[in-house]
């Protein structure tokens, strides 16, 4: 039996917290996407988590640059 639970997290000022996930092959692309998102954000920025991973595919090294932004909407 599988149960699905929807959790809603609230920021300390009562706003609903949300997340936005970015995933790019190049760090400059990730930087641009994050900066564009933050410029247009009307709510409050709460936190950012950044990650880099690398792997080998067909003899070529492949990078994955990702970030998760936690924010609240007003």
Protein backbone atom coordinates (compact mmCIF):
# COMPACT_ATOMS: atom_id res chain seq x y z
CA UNK A 1 0.00 0.00 0.00
CA UNK A 2 1.36 3.43 -0.97
CA UNK A 3 0.39 6.63 0.79
CA UNK A 4 1.00 10.06 -0.69
CA UNK A 5 1.17 12.96 1.69
CA UNK A 6 1.19 16.57 0.58
CA UNK A 7 3.25 18.65 2.95
CA UNK A 8 2.99 22.41 3.02
CA UNK A 9 5.76 24.28 4.77
CA UNK A 10 5.28 27.80 6.02
CA UNK A 11 7.94 30.46 6.46
CA UNK A 12 7.99 32.13 9.88
CA UNK A 13 5.95 35.07 8.51
CA UNK A 14 3.16 32.71 7.37
CA UNK A 15 4.02 32.60 3.64
CA UNK A 16 4.02 29.23 1.88
CA UNK A 17 7.55 28.10 1.07
CA UNK A 18 8.29 26.93 -2.49
CA UNK A 19 11.30 25.50 -4.33
CA UNK A 20 12.75 26.04 -7.80
CA UNK A 21 15.24 23.56 -9.24
CA UNK A 22 17.79 24.40 -11.94
CA UNK A 23 19.95 21.88 -13.83
CA UNK A 24 22.48 22.89 -16.50
CA UNK A 25 25.50 21.41 -18.28
CA UNK A 26 27.59 24.58 -17.94
CA UNK A 27 28.14 26.67 -14.82
CA UNK A 28 27.65 29.97 -16.68
CA UNK A 29 24.22 28.79 -17.90
CA UNK A 30 23.24 27.92 -14.33
CA UNK A 31 24.48 31.29 -13.10
CA UNK A 32 22.43 33.12 -15.73
CA UNK A 33 19.24 31.15 -14.97
CA UNK A 34 19.56 31.73 -11.21
CA UNK A 35 20.26 35.46 -11.63
CA UNK A 36 17.26 35.85 -13.97
CA UNK A 37 15.00 34.01 -11.51
CA UNK A 38 16.18 36.13 -8.56
CA UNK A 39 15.70 39.38 -10.51
CA UNK A 40 12.06 38.45 -11.18
CA UNK A 41 11.35 37.04 -7.70
CA UNK A 42 8.64 39.09 -5.98
CA UNK A 43 8.73 37.04 -2.79
CA UNK A 44 11.49 36.45 -0.28
CA UNK A 45 14.65 34.47 -1.02
CA UNK A 46 15.25 31.95 1.80
CA UNK A 47 18.06 29.56 0.81
CA UNK A 48 20.11 28.15 -2.08
CA UNK A 49 21.69 24.69 -2.32
CA UNK A 50 24.31 24.13 -5.03
CA UNK A 51 25.67 20.85 -6.39
CA UNK A 52 28.13 19.69 -9.05
CA UNK A 53 28.47 16.15 -10.32
CA UNK A 54 30.63 14.59 -13.01
CA UNK A 55 30.45 11.33 -14.90
CA UNK A 56 31.89 9.61 -17.95
CA UNK A 57 29.61 9.00 -20.94
CA UNK A 58 31.01 7.47 -24.14
CA UNK A 59 34.53 8.30 -23.00
CA UNK A 60 33.69 11.96 -22.43
CA UNK A 61 33.48 13.66 -19.04
CA UNK A 62 30.03 15.19 -18.46
CA UNK A 63 29.25 17.77 -15.77
CA UNK A 64 25.92 18.56 -14.17
CA UNK A 65 25.54 21.86 -12.30
CA UNK A 66 22.38 22.13 -10.25
CA UNK A 67 20.81 24.39 -7.67
CA UNK A 68 17.71 24.38 -5.52
CA UNK A 69 16.29 27.72 -4.39
CA UNK A 70 13.90 27.91 -1.45
CA UNK A 71 11.68 31.00 -1.48
CA UNK A 72 8.29 32.30 -0.40
CA UNK A 73 5.76 34.12 -2.52
CA UNK A 74 4.06 37.27 -1.31
